[in-house]
């Protein structure tokens, strides 16, 4: 009988979960804050990737003459 009561208490505690709001469940403001941080990071990475793409653009030799710019 004691084992059954103990088993019911354990099962009840597992099924009930956390009663306060500090558990793993997020409310809408936490979810929106996390998503905006993810979007901000993604936008920064996209800009870095775009800049890196253009920085790796190699100069092409379109002319056989050396072009001198300056004094």
PDB file of N, CA and C in Angstrom:
ATOM      1  N   UNK A   1       0.817  -1.201   0.000  1.00  0.00           N
ATOM      2  CA  UNK A   1       0.000   0.000   0.000  1.00  0.00           C
ATOM      3  C   UNK A   1       0.859   1.262   0.000  1.00  0.00           C
ATOM      4  N   UNK A   2       1.946   1.231   0.776  1.00  0.00           N
ATOM      5  CA  UNK A   2       2.836   2.396   0.822  1.00  0.00           C
ATOM      6  C   UNK A   2       3.514   2.627  -0.530  1.00  0.00           C
ATOM      7  N   UNK A   3       3.813   1.541  -1.209  1.00  0.00           N
ATOM      8  CA  UNK A   3       4.453   1.668  -2.522  1.00  0.00           C
ATOM      9  C   UNK A   3       3.492   2.304  -3.527  1.00  0.00           C
ATOM     10  N   UNK A   4       2.238   1.964  -3.445  1.00  0.00           N
ATOM     11  CA  UNK A   4       1.243   2.518  -4.367  1.00  0.00           C
ATOM     12  C   UNK A   4       1.067   4.014  -4.118  1.00  0.00           C
ATOM     13  N   UNK A   5       0.983   4.399  -2.849  1.00  0.00           N
ATOM     14  CA  UNK A   5       0.839   5.814  -2.508  1.00  0.00           C
ATOM     15  C   UNK A   5       2.073   6.593  -2.953  1.00  0.00           C
ATOM     16  N   UNK A   6       3.258   6.037  -2.714  1.00  0.00           N
ATOM     17  CA  UNK A   6       4.496   6.682  -3.133  1.00  0.00           C
ATOM     18  C   UNK A   6       4.533   6.826  -4.657  1.00  0.00           C
ATOM     19  N   UNK A   7       4.139   5.783  -5.361  1.00  0.00           N
ATOM     20  CA  UNK A   7       4.104   5.818  -6.820  1.00  0.00           C
ATOM     21  C   UNK A   7       3.109   6.862  -7.324  1.00  0.00           C
ATOM     22  N   UNK A   8       1.947   6.977  -6.694  1.00  0.00           N
ATOM     23  CA  UNK A   8       0.967   7.988  -7.077  1.00  0.00           C
ATOM     24  C   UNK A   8       1.488   9.404  -6.814  1.00  0.00           C
ATOM     25  N   UNK A   9       2.193   9.599  -5.708  1.00  0.00           N
ATOM     26  CA  UNK A   9       2.762  10.914  -5.418  1.00  0.00           C
ATOM     27  C   UNK A   9       3.833  11.296  -6.449  1.00  0.00           C
ATOM     28  N   UNK A  10       4.667  10.357  -6.812  1.00  0.00           N
ATOM     29  CA  UNK A  10       5.703  10.618  -7.808  1.00  0.00           C
ATOM     30  C   UNK A  10       5.063  10.931  -9.163  1.00  0.00           C
ATOM     31  N   UNK A  11       4.086  10.133  -9.558  1.00  0.00           N
ATOM     32  CA  UNK A  11       3.410  10.377 -10.842  1.00  0.00           C
ATOM     33  C   UNK A  11       2.685  11.727 -10.830  1.00  0.00           C
ATOM     34  N   UNK A  12       2.069  12.074  -9.721  1.00  0.00           N
ATOM     35  CA  UNK A  12       1.388  13.360  -9.617  1.00  0.00           C
ATOM     36  C   UNK A  12       2.362  14.525  -9.711  1.00  0.00           C
ATOM     37  N   UNK A  13       3.521  14.382  -9.087  1.00  0.00           N
ATOM     38  CA  UNK A  13       4.518  15.452  -9.145  1.00  0.00           C
ATOM     39  C   UNK A  13       5.061  15.602 -10.563  1.00  0.00           C
ATOM     40  N   UNK A  14       5.255  14.509 -11.257  1.00  0.00           N
ATOM     41  CA  UNK A  14       5.764  14.570 -12.626  1.00  0.00           C
ATOM     42  C   UNK A  14       4.727  15.180 -13.558  1.00  0.00           C
ATOM     43  N   UNK A  15       3.477  14.789 -13.417  1.00  0.00           N
ATOM     44  CA  UNK A  15       2.433  15.301 -14.295  1.00  0.00           C
ATOM     45  C   UNK A  15       2.073  16.749 -13.996  1.00  0.00           C
ATOM     46  N   UNK A  16       2.216  17.172 -12.747  1.00  0.00           N
ATOM     47  CA  UNK A  16       1.856  18.538 -12.384  1.00  0.00           C
ATOM     48  C   UNK A  16       2.871  19.537 -12.914  1.00  0.00           C
ATOM     49  N   UNK A  17       4.131  19.169 -12.919  1.00  0.00           N
ATOM     50  CA  UNK A  17       5.166  20.074 -13.408  1.00  0.00           C
ATOM     51  C   UNK A  17       5.401  21.210 -12.449  1.00  0.00           C
ATOM     52  N   UNK A  18       5.974  22.271 -12.944  1.00  0.00           N
ATOM     53  CA  UNK A  18       6.259  23.439 -12.108  1.00  0.00           C
ATOM     54  C   UNK A  18       5.007  24.299 -11.996  1.00  0.00           C
ATOM     55  N   UNK A  19       4.721  24.731 -10.802  1.00  0.00           N
ATOM     56  CA  UNK A  19       3.527  25.545 -10.618  1.00  0.00           C
ATOM     57  C   UNK A  19       3.814  27.029 -10.794  1.00  0.00           C
ATOM     58  N   UNK A  20       5.082  27.438 -10.703  1.00  0.00           N
ATOM     59  CA  UNK A  20       5.388  28.861 -10.882  1.00  0.00           C
ATOM     60  C   UNK A  20       5.773  29.131 -12.331  1.00  0.00           C
ATOM     61  N   UNK A  21       6.001  30.384 -12.666  1.00  0.00           N
ATOM     62  CA  UNK A  21       6.279  30.778 -14.038  1.00  0.00           C
ATOM     63  C   UNK A  21       7.768  30.760 -14.355  1.00  0.00           C
ATOM     64  N   UNK A  22       8.600  30.281 -13.453  1.00  0.00           N
ATOM     65  CA  UNK A  22      10.043  30.274 -13.691  1.00  0.00           C
ATOM     66  C   UNK A  22      10.494  28.976 -14.349  1.00  0.00           C
ATOM     67  N   UNK A  23       9.571  28.182 -14.834  1.00  0.00           N
ATOM     68  CA  UNK A  23       9.913  26.920 -15.471  1.00  0.00           C
ATOM     69  C   UNK A  23      10.358  27.120 -16.904  1.00  0.00           C
ATOM     70  N   UNK A  24      10.202  26.111 -17.699  1.00  0.00           N
ATOM     71  CA  UNK A  24      10.656  26.148 -19.080  1.00  0.00           C
ATOM     72  C   UNK A  24       9.629  26.751 -20.027  1.00  0.00           C
ATOM     73  N   UNK A  25       8.446  27.023 -19.550  1.00  0.00           N
ATOM     74  CA  UNK A  25       7.397  27.569 -20.393  1.00  0.00           C
ATOM     75  C   UNK A  25       7.585  29.076 -20.505  1.00  0.00           C
ATOM     76  N   UNK A  26       7.628  29.575 -21.728  1.00  0.00           N
ATOM     77  CA  UNK A  26       7.797  31.008 -21.962  1.00  0.00           C
ATOM     78  C   UNK A  26       6.450  31.649 -22.253  1.00  0.00           C
ATOM     79  N   UNK A  27       6.327  32.887 -21.858  1.00  0.00           N
ATOM     80  CA  UNK A  27       5.139  33.621 -22.262  1.00  0.00           C
ATOM     81  C   UNK A  27       5.445  34.360 -23.563  1.00  0.00           C
ATOM     82  N   UNK A  28       4.490  35.087 -24.069  1.00  0.00           N
ATOM     83  CA  UNK A  28       4.650  35.684 -25.393  1.00  0.00           C
ATOM     84  C   UNK A  28       5.742  36.753 -25.417  1.00  0.00           C
ATOM     85  N   UNK A  29       5.929  37.487 -24.335  1.00  0.00           N
ATOM     86  CA  UNK A  29       6.975  38.519 -24.335  1.00  0.00           C
ATOM     87  C   UNK A  29       8.367  37.890 -24.373  1.00  0.00           C
ATOM     88  N   UNK A  30       8.571  36.781 -23.644  1.00  0.00           N
ATOM     89  CA  UNK A  30       9.860  36.089 -23.705  1.00  0.00           C
ATOM     90  C   UNK A  30      10.117  35.532 -25.098  1.00  0.00           C
ATOM     91  N   UNK A  31       9.083  34.964 -25.699  1.00  0.00           N
ATOM     92  CA  UNK A  31       9.216  34.402 -27.034  1.00  0.00           C
ATOM     93  C   UNK A  31       9.529  35.491 -28.058  1.00  0.00           C
ATOM     94  N   UNK A  32       8.850  36.631 -27.974  1.00  0.00           N
ATOM     95  CA  UNK A  32       9.109  37.733 -28.908  1.00  0.00           C
ATOM     96  C   UNK A  32      10.505  38.308 -28.726  1.00  0.00           C
ATOM     97  N   UNK A  33      10.972  38.417 -27.479  1.00  0.00           N
ATOM     98  CA  UNK A  33      12.308  38.922 -27.217  1.00  0.00           C
ATOM     99  C   UNK A  33      13.367  37.973 -27.778  1.00  0.00           C
ATOM    100  N   UNK A  34      13.163  36.684 -27.603  1.00  0.00           N
ATOM    101  CA  UNK A  34      14.107  35.696 -28.127  1.00  0.00           C
ATOM    102  C   UNK A  34      14.114  35.700 -29.656  1.00  0.00           C
ATOM    103  N   UNK A  35      12.941  35.793 -30.274  1.00  0.00           N
ATOM    104  CA  UNK A  35      12.876  35.816 -31.733  1.00  0.00           C
ATOM    105  C   UNK A  35      13.501  37.078 -32.306  1.00  0.00           C
ATOM    106  N   UNK A  36      13.319  38.218 -31.635  1.00  0.00           N
ATOM    107  CA  UNK A  36      13.938  39.443 -32.143  1.00  0.00           C
ATOM    108  C   UNK A  36      15.456  39.362 -32.017  1.00  0.00           C
ATOM    109  N   UNK A  37      15.965  38.717 -30.974  1.00  0.00           N
ATOM    110  CA  UNK A  37      17.419  38.539 -30.853  1.00  0.00           C
ATOM    111  C   UNK A  37      17.939  37.618 -31.943  1.00  0.00           C
ATOM    112  N   UNK A  38      17.187  36.580 -32.277  1.00  0.00           N
ATOM    113  CA  UNK A  38      17.592  35.655 -33.336  1.00  0.00           C
ATOM    114  C   UNK A  38      17.575  36.367 -34.685  1.00  0.00           C
ATOM    115  N   UNK A  39      16.528  37.146 -34.957  1.00  0.00           N
ATOM    116  CA  UNK A  39      16.449  37.874 -36.222  1.00  0.00           C
ATOM    117  C   UNK A  39      17.573  38.903 -36.344  1.00  0.00           C
ATOM    118  N   UNK A  40      17.894  39.575 -35.238  1.00  0.00           N
ATOM    119  CA  UNK A  40      18.979  40.553 -35.253  1.00  0.00           C
ATOM    120  C   UNK A  40      20.310  39.874 -35.577  1.00  0.00           C
ATOM    121  N   UNK A  41      20.557  38.727 -34.964  1.00  0.00           N
ATOM    122  CA  UNK A  41      21.796  37.990 -35.246  1.00  0.00           C
ATOM    123  C   UNK A  41      21.833  37.513 -36.685  1.00  0.00           C
ATOM    124  N   UNK A  42      20.715  37.026 -37.191  1.00  0.00           N
ATOM    125  CA  UNK A  42      20.661  36.561 -38.582  1.00  0.00           C
ATOM    126  C   UNK A  42      20.918  37.701 -39.565  1.00  0.00           C
ATOM    127  N   UNK A  43      20.356  38.877 -39.294  1.00  0.00           N
ATOM    128  CA  UNK A  43      20.579  40.022 -40.175  1.00  0.00           C
ATOM    129  C   UNK A  43      22.050  40.435 -40.178  1.00  0.00           C
ATOM    130  N   UNK A  44      22.682  40.428 -39.013  1.00  0.00           N
ATOM    131  CA  UNK A  44      24.098  40.784 -38.943  1.00  0.00           C
ATOM    132  C   UNK A  44      24.957  39.774 -39.690  1.00  0.00           C
ATOM    133  N   UNK A  45      24.631  38.492 -39.572  1.00  0.00           N
ATOM    134  CA  UNK A  45      25.391  37.472 -40.288  1.00  0.00           C
ATOM    135  C   UNK A  45      25.195  37.605 -41.791  1.00  0.00           C
ATOM    136  N   UNK A  46      23.989  37.929 -42.220  1.00  0.00           N
ATOM    137  CA  UNK A  46      23.726  38.111 -43.645  1.00  0.00           C
ATOM    138  C   UNK A  46      24.537  39.273 -44.201  1.00  0.00           C
ATOM    139  N   UNK A  47      24.597  40.370 -43.459  1.00  0.00           N
ATOM    140  CA  UNK A  47      25.385  41.523 -43.908  1.00  0.00           C
ATOM    141  C   UNK A  47      26.859  41.160 -43.967  1.00  0.00           C
ATOM    142  N   UNK A  48      27.361  40.427 -42.977  1.00  0.00           N
ATOM    143  CA  UNK A  48      28.763  40.004 -42.999  1.00  0.00           C
ATOM    144  C   UNK A  48      29.046  39.086 -44.180  1.00  0.00           C
ATOM    145  N   UNK A  49      28.129  38.174 -44.468  1.00  0.00           N
ATOM    146  CA  UNK A  49      28.321  37.276 -45.607  1.00  0.00           C
ATOM    147  C   UNK A  49      28.320  38.045 -46.921  1.00  0.00           C
ATOM    148  N   UNK A  50      27.421  39.020 -47.043  1.00  0.00           N
ATOM    149  CA  UNK A  50      27.352  39.832 -48.263  1.00  0.00           C
ATOM    150  C   UNK A  50      28.647  40.622 -48.448  1.00  0.00           C
ATOM    151  N   UNK A  51      29.157  41.222 -47.362  1.00  0.00           N
ATOM    152  CA  UNK A  51      30.408  41.966 -47.442  1.00  0.00           C
ATOM    153  C   UNK A  51      31.577  41.045 -47.786  1.00  0.00           C
ATOM    154  N   UNK A  52      31.605  39.866 -47.202  1.00  0.00           N
ATOM    155  CA  UNK A  52      32.684  38.921 -47.490  1.00  0.00           C
ATOM    156  C   UNK A  52      32.647  38.473 -48.949  1.00  0.00           C
ATOM    157  N   UNK A  53      31.463  38.298 -49.491  1.00  0.00           N
ATOM    158  CA  UNK A  53      31.331  37.923 -50.893  1.00  0.00           C
ATOM    159  C   UNK A  53      31.974  38.975 -51.788  1.00  0.00           C
ATOM    160  N   UNK A  54      31.714  40.246 -51.527  1.00  0.00           N
ATOM    161  CA  UNK A  54      32.257  41.300 -52.368  1.00  0.00           C
ATOM    162  C   UNK A  54      33.730  41.564 -52.092  1.00  0.00           C
ATOM    163  N   UNK A  55      34.209  41.259 -50.885  1.00  0.00           N
ATOM    164  CA  UNK A  55      35.629  41.428 -50.605  1.00  0.00           C
ATOM    165  C   UNK A  55      36.471  40.364 -51.313  1.00  0.00           C
ATOM    166  N   UNK A  56      35.910  39.196 -51.532  1.00  0.00           N
ATOM    167  CA  UNK A  56      36.645  38.138 -52.218  1.00  0.00           C
ATOM    168  C   UNK A  56      36.575  38.277 -53.734  1.00  0.00           C
ATOM    169  N   UNK A  57      35.903  39.298 -54.221  1.00  0.00           N
ATOM    170  CA  UNK A  57      35.832  39.552 -55.650  1.00  0.00           C
ATOM    171  C   UNK A  57      37.228  39.931 -56.139  1.00  0.00           C
ATOM    172  N   UNK A  58      37.782  39.159 -57.029  1.00  0.00           N
ATOM    173  CA  UNK A  58      39.141  39.382 -57.513  1.00  0.00           C
ATOM    174  C   UNK A  58      39.151  40.450 -58.598  1.00  0.00           C
ATOM    175  N   UNK A  59      40.216  41.226 -58.616  1.00  0.00           N
ATOM    176  CA  UNK A  59      40.385  42.217 -59.673  1.00  0.00           C
ATOM    177  C   UNK A  59      40.679  41.501 -60.982  1.00  0.00           C
ATOM    178  N   UNK A  60      39.981  41.889 -62.004  1.00  0.00           N
ATOM    179  CA  UNK A  60      40.197  41.300 -63.320  1.00  0.00           C
ATOM    180  C   UNK A  60      41.103  42.200 -64.137  1.00  0.00           C
ATOM    181  N   UNK A  61      41.938  41.601 -64.921  1.00  0.00           N
ATOM    182  CA  UNK A  61      42.799  42.391 -65.803  1.00  0.00           C
ATOM    183  C   UNK A  61      42.042  42.620 -67.105  1.00  0.00           C
ATOM    184  N   UNK A  62      41.430  43.775 -67.190  1.00  0.00           N
ATOM    185  CA  UNK A  62      40.658  44.093 -68.377  1.00  0.00           C
ATOM    186  C   UNK A  62      41.509  44.773 -69.451  1.00  0.00           C
ATOM    187  N   UNK A  63      42.686  45.228 -69.066  1.00  0.00           N
ATOM    188  CA  UNK A  63      43.553  45.900 -70.021  1.00  0.00           C
ATOM    189  C   UNK A  63      44.976  45.377 -69.839  1.00  0.00           C
ATOM    190  N   UNK A  64      45.747  45.435 -70.892  1.00  0.00           N
ATOM    191  CA  UNK A  64      47.132  44.987 -70.791  1.00  0.00           C
ATOM    192  C   UNK A  64      48.050  46.126 -70.379  1.00  0.00           C
ATOM    193  N   UNK A  65      47.546  47.376 -70.346  1.00  0.00           N
ATOM    194  CA  UNK A  65      48.362  48.520 -69.979  1.00  0.00           C
ATOM    195  C   UNK A  65      48.197  48.803 -68.486  1.00  0.00           C
ATOM    196  N   UNK A  66      49.242  49.251 -67.866  1.00  0.00           N
ATOM    197  CA  UNK A  66      49.189  49.625 -66.462  1.00  0.00           C
ATOM    198  C   UNK A  66      48.580  51.009 -66.345  1.00  0.00           C
ATOM    199  N   UNK A  67      47.611  51.121 -65.531  1.00  0.00           N
ATOM    200  CA  UNK A  67      46.936  52.395 -65.339  1.00  0.00           C
ATOM    201  C   UNK A  67      47.546  53.055 -64.113  1.00  0.00           C
ATOM    202  N   UNK A  68      48.045  54.286 -64.285  1.00  0.00           N
ATOM    203  CA  UNK A  68      48.677  55.013 -63.201  1.00  0.00           C
ATOM    204  C   UNK A  68      47.751  56.130 -62.757  1.00  0.00           C
ATOM    205  N   UNK A  69      47.427  56.135 -61.482  1.00  0.00           N
ATOM    206  CA  UNK A  69      46.563  57.167 -60.910  1.00  0.00           C
ATOM    207  C   UNK A  69      47.374  57.890 -59.859  1.00  0.00           C
ATOM    208  N   UNK A  70      47.476  59.185 -59.975  1.00  0.00           N
ATOM    209  CA  UNK A  70      48.218  59.958 -58.973  1.00  0.00           C
ATOM    210  C   UNK A  70      49.007  61.072 -59.616  1.00  0.00           C
ATOM    211  N   UNK A  71      50.039  61.522 -58.907  1.00  0.00           N
ATOM    212  CA  UNK A  71      50.866  62.631 -59.413  1.00  0.00           C
ATOM    213  C   UNK A  71      51.698  62.237 -60.581  1.00  0.00           C
TER     214      UNK A  71
END
